[in-house]
């Protein structure tokens, strides 16, 4: 039987990682710029060192459905996601580029609305959109619109997701799961409405506040696969264990209630306006307060610590128990971002 790609291969979990590690990365004989971070590191972007300057490059495709949802749309998502991927590598975003593939018959007003959303994020962060491309496909050959966005930034010091050290503290910059539950509600999958908006937001200001203190050792944005996937990646790559305190994890009651009703693990819910930061222990409280002082970090919490180990994520539960947080197989919902 021929092997085929499934929706789970795009879900941000173990199946996607195995596809990338087993098929995609080995196919490219040149997959890293000299002295930089490249495909083998499977980080949120790549770094290229030119004349002593750290250039960070990232690219991503956005296929979210529906394309308009509470708290945003596919345009805002593309702009914020690209800015955030640069930010978590310690790079100040410099410029964006977008490519749009649009279905024949797509309403011009919808396209205009999506472009305005990209512009609003660009203007908020001060990052120009400097290049792009537009293609149109026959009706029925694509579902409304797909956007690819790329970004470039500069980093004084590149931050990877593999820099955690024993003793570091873990900060989550905002409530988890909002985007995931907002999308389910918008699709009508819940059978009832939930007053939750997507957390889609550009997080450079929030990240910069911690970077300016020299506190950050590692970062990741927990999108597909959620906090569970991101923490597992960080722990395995850093060769440490991460212990997380369940009672400290920021999550809205509405989100937690829906997750429990549907049998979803809150740690596996997709986020689009949250960063996981590893910070130096001696600067952890100062970093937390600096993050909380920013527009999108007011509900940040210190949720755990890094210990010596071999790559496990351990949840210390509210009832005093412990459980190992496994890497998700794939996202429980396709086309979430």
Protein backbone atom coordinates (compact mmCIF):
# COMPACT_ATOMS: atom_id res chain seq x y z
CA UNK A 1 0.00 0.00 0.00
CA UNK A 2 1.30 3.43 -0.91
CA UNK A 3 2.09 5.77 1.95
CA UNK A 4 0.01 8.94 1.79
CA UNK A 5 -0.12 12.26 3.57
CA UNK A 6 -2.90 12.60 6.14
CA UNK A 7 -4.31 15.67 7.88
CA UNK A 8 -2.44 14.61 11.01
CA UNK A 9 0.87 15.14 9.19
CA UNK A 10 0.10 18.87 9.34
CA UNK A 11 -1.03 18.88 12.95
CA UNK A 12 2.12 19.99 14.73
CA UNK A 13 2.65 16.73 16.64
CA UNK A 14 4.75 13.60 16.39
CA UNK A 15 3.52 12.58 12.92
CA UNK A 16 4.50 15.94 11.46
CA UNK A 17 7.88 15.85 13.16
CA UNK A 18 8.56 12.35 11.84
CA UNK A 19 7.60 13.44 8.31
CA UNK A 20 9.97 16.40 8.45
CA UNK A 21 12.81 14.46 10.06
CA UNK A 22 12.43 11.37 7.90
CA UNK A 23 11.56 12.78 4.49
CA UNK A 24 11.98 16.53 4.11
CA UNK A 25 15.22 17.42 5.88
CA UNK A 26 17.29 14.50 4.46
CA UNK A 27 16.16 15.44 0.93
CA UNK A 28 18.08 18.74 0.99
CA UNK A 29 21.83 18.35 0.68
CA UNK A 30 22.29 22.02 1.61
CA UNK A 31 20.04 22.79 4.56
CA UNK A 32 21.91 25.27 6.75
CA UNK A 33 23.87 28.47 6.14
CA UNK A 34 27.41 28.36 7.56
CA UNK A 35 27.37 29.10 11.28
CA UNK A 36 23.60 29.46 11.40
CA UNK A 37 20.44 27.63 12.42
CA UNK A 38 18.82 25.73 9.57
CA UNK A 39 16.40 22.95 8.72
CA UNK A 40 18.02 20.27 10.91
CA UNK A 41 17.32 22.34 14.05
CA UNK A 42 13.57 22.48 13.24
CA UNK A 43 13.25 25.84 15.00
CA UNK A 44 10.72 28.59 14.26
CA UNK A 45 13.01 30.01 11.58
CA UNK A 46 16.59 30.05 10.33
CA UNK A 47 19.54 32.29 11.10
CA UNK A 48 22.16 33.50 8.64
CA UNK A 49 25.29 35.30 9.80
CA UNK A 50 26.49 38.01 7.42
CA UNK A 51 29.43 40.27 8.37
CA UNK A 52 28.81 39.55 12.05
CA UNK A 53 25.08 40.35 11.82
CA UNK A 54 22.46 37.74 12.69
CA UNK A 55 19.73 37.72 10.04
CA UNK A 56 16.69 35.61 10.92
CA UNK A 57 14.36 34.29 8.21
CA UNK A 58 11.02 32.52 8.62
CA UNK A 59 8.17 31.39 6.37
CA UNK A 60 4.79 29.81 6.97
CA UNK A 61 1.57 28.89 5.16
CA UNK A 62 -1.89 29.70 6.51
CA UNK A 63 -4.93 27.59 5.64
CA UNK A 64 -7.26 28.39 8.56
CA UNK A 65 -10.96 27.64 8.24
CA UNK A 66 -13.10 29.66 8.54
CA UNK A 67 -11.04 32.53 7.17
CA UNK A 68 -12.91 35.02 9.40
CA UNK A 69 -13.31 34.15 13.07
CA UNK A 70 -13.85 35.90 16.43
CA UNK A 71 -10.72 37.93 17.12
CA UNK A 72 -9.20 37.86 13.66
CA UNK A 73 -8.98 36.47 10.16
CA UNK A 74 -6.49 34.69 7.94
CA UNK A 75 -4.70 37.97 7.18
CA UNK A 76 -4.15 38.93 10.81
CA UNK A 77 -3.12 35.36 11.54
CA UNK A 78 -0.50 35.35 8.75
CA UNK A 79 1.03 38.66 9.80
CA UNK A 80 1.07 37.86 13.53
CA UNK A 81 2.32 34.32 13.06
CA UNK A 82 5.27 35.47 10.97
CA UNK A 83 6.18 38.28 13.35
CA UNK A 84 5.97 35.89 16.30
CA UNK A 85 8.21 33.28 14.66
CA UNK A 86 10.88 35.96 14.22
CA UNK A 87 10.34 37.26 17.75
CA UNK A 88 10.81 33.92 19.52
CA UNK A 89 14.21 33.62 17.83
CA UNK A 90 15.19 36.93 19.39
CA UNK A 91 14.89 38.90 16.14
CA UNK A 92 13.41 42.35 15.75
CA UNK A 93 11.07 42.02 12.75
CA UNK A 94 12.25 44.14 9.80
CA UNK A 95 10.03 43.23 6.84
CA UNK A 96 7.27 40.91 5.67
CA UNK A 97 6.34 39.37 2.31
CA UNK A 98 3.09 37.62 1.45
CA UNK A 99 1.89 35.31 -1.30
CA UNK A 100 -1.83 34.75 -1.78
CA UNK A 101 -3.50 31.98 -3.75
CA UNK A 102 -7.13 32.95 -4.30
CA UNK A 103 -10.06 30.92 -5.60
CA UNK A 104 -11.84 32.15 -8.71
CA UNK A 105 -15.05 33.86 -7.64
CA UNK A 106 -13.72 35.00 -4.26
CA UNK A 107 -15.35 38.27 -3.22
CA UNK A 108 -13.13 41.33 -3.67
CA UNK A 109 -14.47 42.85 -0.44
CA UNK A 110 -13.32 39.77 1.50
CA UNK A 111 -9.86 40.04 -0.04
CA UNK A 112 -9.76 43.75 0.81
CA UNK A 113 -10.72 42.97 4.40
CA UNK A 114 -7.93 40.40 4.70
CA UNK A 115 -5.36 42.81 3.27
CA UNK A 116 -6.50 45.53 5.69
CA UNK A 117 -5.91 43.12 8.57
CA UNK A 118 -2.35 42.48 7.41
CA UNK A 119 -1.82 46.23 7.13
CA UNK A 120 -3.15 46.85 10.66
CA UNK A 121 -0.66 44.40 12.16
CA UNK A 122 2.16 45.73 9.98
CA UNK A 123 1.43 49.29 11.11
CA UNK A 124 1.05 48.34 14.78
CA UNK A 125 4.44 46.67 14.95
CA UNK A 126 6.17 49.02 12.47
CA UNK A 127 7.09 46.24 10.05
CA UNK A 128 6.55 47.01 6.33
CA UNK A 129 5.15 44.56 3.82
CA UNK A 130 7.78 44.87 1.09
CA UNK A 131 7.03 42.09 -1.42
CA UNK A 132 4.31 39.71 -2.48
CA UNK A 133 2.68 37.57 -5.12
CA UNK A 134 -0.91 36.77 -6.08
CA UNK A 135 -2.24 33.76 -7.95
CA UNK A 136 -5.80 32.72 -8.85
CA UNK A 137 -6.96 29.10 -9.18
CA UNK A 138 -10.08 27.71 -10.79
CA UNK A 139 -13.21 27.57 -8.67
CA UNK A 140 -13.25 24.41 -6.60
CA UNK A 141 -9.49 23.82 -6.91
CA UNK A 142 -8.72 25.63 -3.65
CA UNK A 143 -10.85 26.51 -0.62
CA UNK A 144 -11.26 30.31 -0.84
CA UNK A 145 -7.72 31.52 -0.04
CA UNK A 146 -4.34 30.30 1.19
CA UNK A 147 -1.64 32.72 2.32
CA UNK A 148 2.09 32.20 2.64
CA UNK A 149 3.95 34.79 4.68
CA UNK A 150 7.68 35.24 5.11
CA UNK A 151 9.60 37.56 7.37
CA UNK A 152 13.11 38.76 8.01
CA UNK A 153 14.56 40.22 11.20
CA UNK A 154 17.79 41.06 12.99
CA UNK A 155 18.93 39.54 16.28
CA UNK A 156 21.66 40.77 18.61
CA UNK A 157 21.72 37.20 19.87
CA UNK A 158 19.77 34.39 18.25
CA UNK A 159 17.50 32.59 20.72
CA UNK A 160 16.78 28.96 19.92
CA UNK A 161 14.27 26.55 21.43
CA UNK A 162 17.14 24.36 22.67
CA UNK A 163 18.77 26.73 25.17
CA UNK A 164 17.08 25.71 28.41
CA UNK A 165 19.33 25.04 31.41
CA UNK A 166 18.59 23.46 34.80
CA UNK A 167 17.30 26.15 37.12
CA UNK A 168 15.58 28.21 34.44
CA UNK A 169 11.96 29.20 35.03
CA UNK A 170 9.18 28.84 32.47
CA UNK A 171 6.86 31.76 31.67
CA UNK A 172 3.70 31.55 29.56
CA UNK A 173 2.77 35.03 28.39
CA UNK A 174 -1.02 34.68 28.32
CA UNK A 175 -4.07 32.43 28.61
CA UNK A 176 -3.86 29.25 26.56
CA UNK A 177 -6.42 27.73 24.22
CA UNK A 178 -8.37 30.84 23.19
CA UNK A 179 -7.64 30.49 19.46
CA UNK A 180 -8.54 26.80 19.37
CA UNK A 181 -11.89 27.21 21.12
CA UNK A 182 -12.77 30.35 19.12
CA UNK A 183 -12.22 28.40 15.89
CA UNK A 184 -14.36 25.48 17.05
CA UNK A 185 -17.13 27.91 17.98
CA UNK A 186 -16.88 29.74 14.64
CA UNK A 187 -17.15 26.45 12.75
CA UNK A 188 -20.29 25.47 14.62
CA UNK A 189 -18.56 22.33 15.89
CA UNK A 190 -19.64 22.97 19.48
CA UNK A 191 -23.38 23.25 18.89
CA UNK A 192 -23.37 26.36 21.07
CA UNK A 193 -21.59 29.71 21.12
CA UNK A 194 -18.69 30.44 23.45
CA UNK A 195 -17.77 34.05 24.30
CA UNK A 196 -14.09 33.53 23.49
CA UNK A 197 -12.05 35.35 20.88
CA UNK A 198 -8.88 34.12 19.22
CA UNK A 199 -5.74 35.38 20.93
CA UNK A 200 -4.08 36.14 17.56
CA UNK A 201 -1.64 38.98 18.30
CA UNK A 202 1.85 40.25 17.36
CA UNK A 203 4.14 39.58 20.31
CA UNK A 204 7.37 41.44 19.54
CA UNK A 205 6.80 44.05 22.28
CA UNK A 206 6.15 41.30 24.82
CA UNK A 207 9.23 39.35 23.81
CA UNK A 208 11.43 42.45 23.63
CA UNK A 209 10.59 43.31 27.23
CA UNK A 210 12.20 40.07 28.43
CA UNK A 211 15.06 40.20 25.93
CA UNK A 212 16.07 43.67 27.11
CA UNK A 213 16.73 42.22 30.57
CA UNK A 214 19.04 39.53 29.19
CA UNK A 215 16.75 37.01 30.86
CA UNK A 216 15.73 34.71 28.01
CA UNK A 217 17.44 31.36 27.40
CA UNK A 218 14.90 29.73 25.03
CA UNK A 219 11.52 30.51 23.44
CA UNK A 220 8.78 28.93 21.37
CA UNK A 221 5.26 29.87 20.31
CA UNK A 222 2.85 27.02 21.10
CA UNK A 223 0.72 27.00 17.94
CA UNK A 224 -0.28 23.61 16.44
CA UNK A 225 0.11 20.95 19.11
CA UNK A 226 -0.16 23.58 21.82
CA UNK A 227 1.85 23.88 25.00
CA UNK A 228 2.35 20.10 25.16
CA UNK A 229 4.11 19.96 21.79
CA UNK A 230 6.20 23.09 22.38
CA UNK A 231 7.41 22.04 25.85
CA UNK A 232 8.30 18.56 24.62
CA UNK A 233 10.35 20.03 21.78
CA UNK A 234 12.15 22.39 24.14
CA UNK A 235 12.85 19.68 26.71
CA UNK A 236 14.14 17.13 24.18
CA UNK A 237 16.31 19.58 22.29
CA UNK A 238 17.74 21.07 25.50
CA UNK A 239 18.22 17.61 27.09
CA UNK A 240 16.47 18.65 30.29
CA UNK A 241 13.21 17.94 32.09
CA UNK A 242 10.52 20.59 32.48
CA UNK A 243 8.23 20.51 35.49
CA UNK A 244 4.99 22.47 35.08
CA UNK A 245 2.65 23.54 37.87
CA UNK A 246 -0.90 22.96 36.67
CA UNK A 247 -2.46 25.48 39.05
CA UNK A 248 -0.31 28.27 37.57
CA UNK A 249 -1.20 27.71 33.92
CA UNK A 250 -3.27 30.68 32.68
CA UNK A 251 -6.51 29.53 31.06
CA UNK A 252 -9.96 31.07 30.93
CA UNK A 253 -12.78 29.21 32.67
CA UNK A 254 -14.79 29.12 29.43
CA UNK A 255 -11.91 27.51 27.55
CA UNK A 256 -11.25 24.97 30.27
CA UNK A 257 -14.95 24.10 30.47
CA UNK A 258 -15.26 23.48 26.72
CA UNK A 259 -12.04 21.45 26.66
CA UNK A 260 -13.25 19.23 29.49
CA UNK A 261 -16.67 18.79 27.88
CA UNK A 262 -15.09 17.71 24.58
CA UNK A 263 -12.39 15.55 26.15
CA UNK A 264 -9.59 17.81 24.85
CA UNK A 265 -6.33 18.25 26.74
CA UNK A 266 -5.96 22.02 27.34
CA UNK A 267 -2.21 21.65 26.89
CA UNK A 268 -2.76 20.50 23.30
CA UNK A 269 -4.96 23.44 22.27
CA UNK A 270 -3.62 25.74 19.55
CA UNK A 271 -2.53 29.27 20.47
CA UNK A 272 -1.71 32.28 18.29
CA UNK A 273 -0.91 34.98 20.83
CA UNK A 274 1.20 33.21 23.44
CA UNK A 275 4.94 32.63 23.92
CA UNK A 276 6.65 30.09 26.15
CA UNK A 277 9.85 31.56 27.56
CA UNK A 278 12.68 29.94 29.43
CA UNK A 279 14.25 32.64 31.64
CA UNK A 280 17.22 32.76 33.99
CA UNK A 281 16.15 32.04 37.55
CA UNK A 282 17.72 35.16 39.05
CA UNK A 283 15.86 37.37 36.55
CA UNK A 284 12.62 35.39 36.39
CA UNK A 285 10.45 37.64 38.57
CA UNK A 286 11.75 40.78 36.89
CA UNK A 287 11.09 39.25 33.48
CA UNK A 288 7.56 38.27 34.49
CA UNK A 289 6.75 41.81 35.59
CA UNK A 290 8.26 43.25 32.41
CA UNK A 291 6.12 40.93 30.27
CA UNK A 292 2.99 41.77 32.28
CA UNK A 293 3.58 45.47 31.57
CA UNK A 294 3.10 44.92 27.82
CA UNK A 295 -0.13 45.04 25.83
CA UNK A 296 -0.41 41.30 25.22
CA UNK A 297 1.35 40.00 28.34
CA UNK A 298 -0.81 41.27 31.19
CA UNK A 299 -1.97 37.75 32.16
CA UNK A 300 1.46 36.11 32.01
CA UNK A 301 2.34 33.53 34.65
CA UNK A 302 5.44 31.69 35.81
CA UNK A 303 4.32 28.10 35.33
CA UNK A 304 7.29 25.83 35.89
CA UNK A 305 11.00 25.20 36.12
CA UNK A 306 13.75 23.35 34.32
CA UNK A 307 15.56 20.45 35.99
CA UNK A 308 18.27 18.05 34.99
CA UNK A 309 16.86 15.19 32.97
CA UNK A 310 16.52 13.54 29.59
CA UNK A 311 13.70 15.40 27.85
CA UNK A 312 10.54 14.76 29.85
CA UNK A 313 7.71 17.20 30.55
CA UNK A 314 6.10 16.54 33.93
CA UNK A 315 2.83 18.13 35.01
CA UNK A 316 2.44 18.60 38.76
CA UNK A 317 -1.34 18.49 39.10
CA UNK A 318 -3.64 20.55 41.30
CA UNK A 319 -4.41 17.46 43.39
CA UNK A 320 -0.77 16.79 44.18
CA UNK A 321 -0.05 14.09 41.58
CA UNK A 322 2.27 14.00 38.63
CA UNK A 323 1.86 12.89 35.03
CA UNK A 324 4.14 12.89 32.04
CA UNK A 325 2.92 15.22 29.28
CA UNK A 326 3.38 13.35 26.01
CA UNK A 327 4.07 14.86 22.62
CA UNK A 328 0.72 14.95 20.78
CA UNK A 329 0.33 12.63 17.79
CA UNK A 330 -1.24 15.45 15.77
CA UNK A 331 -3.65 18.34 16.18
CA UNK A 332 -7.19 17.20 17.07
CA UNK A 333 -8.59 19.80 14.63
CA UNK A 334 -7.27 20.37 11.07
CA UNK A 335 -6.77 23.79 9.48
CA UNK A 336 -6.55 25.54 12.84
CA UNK A 337 -3.98 28.06 11.60
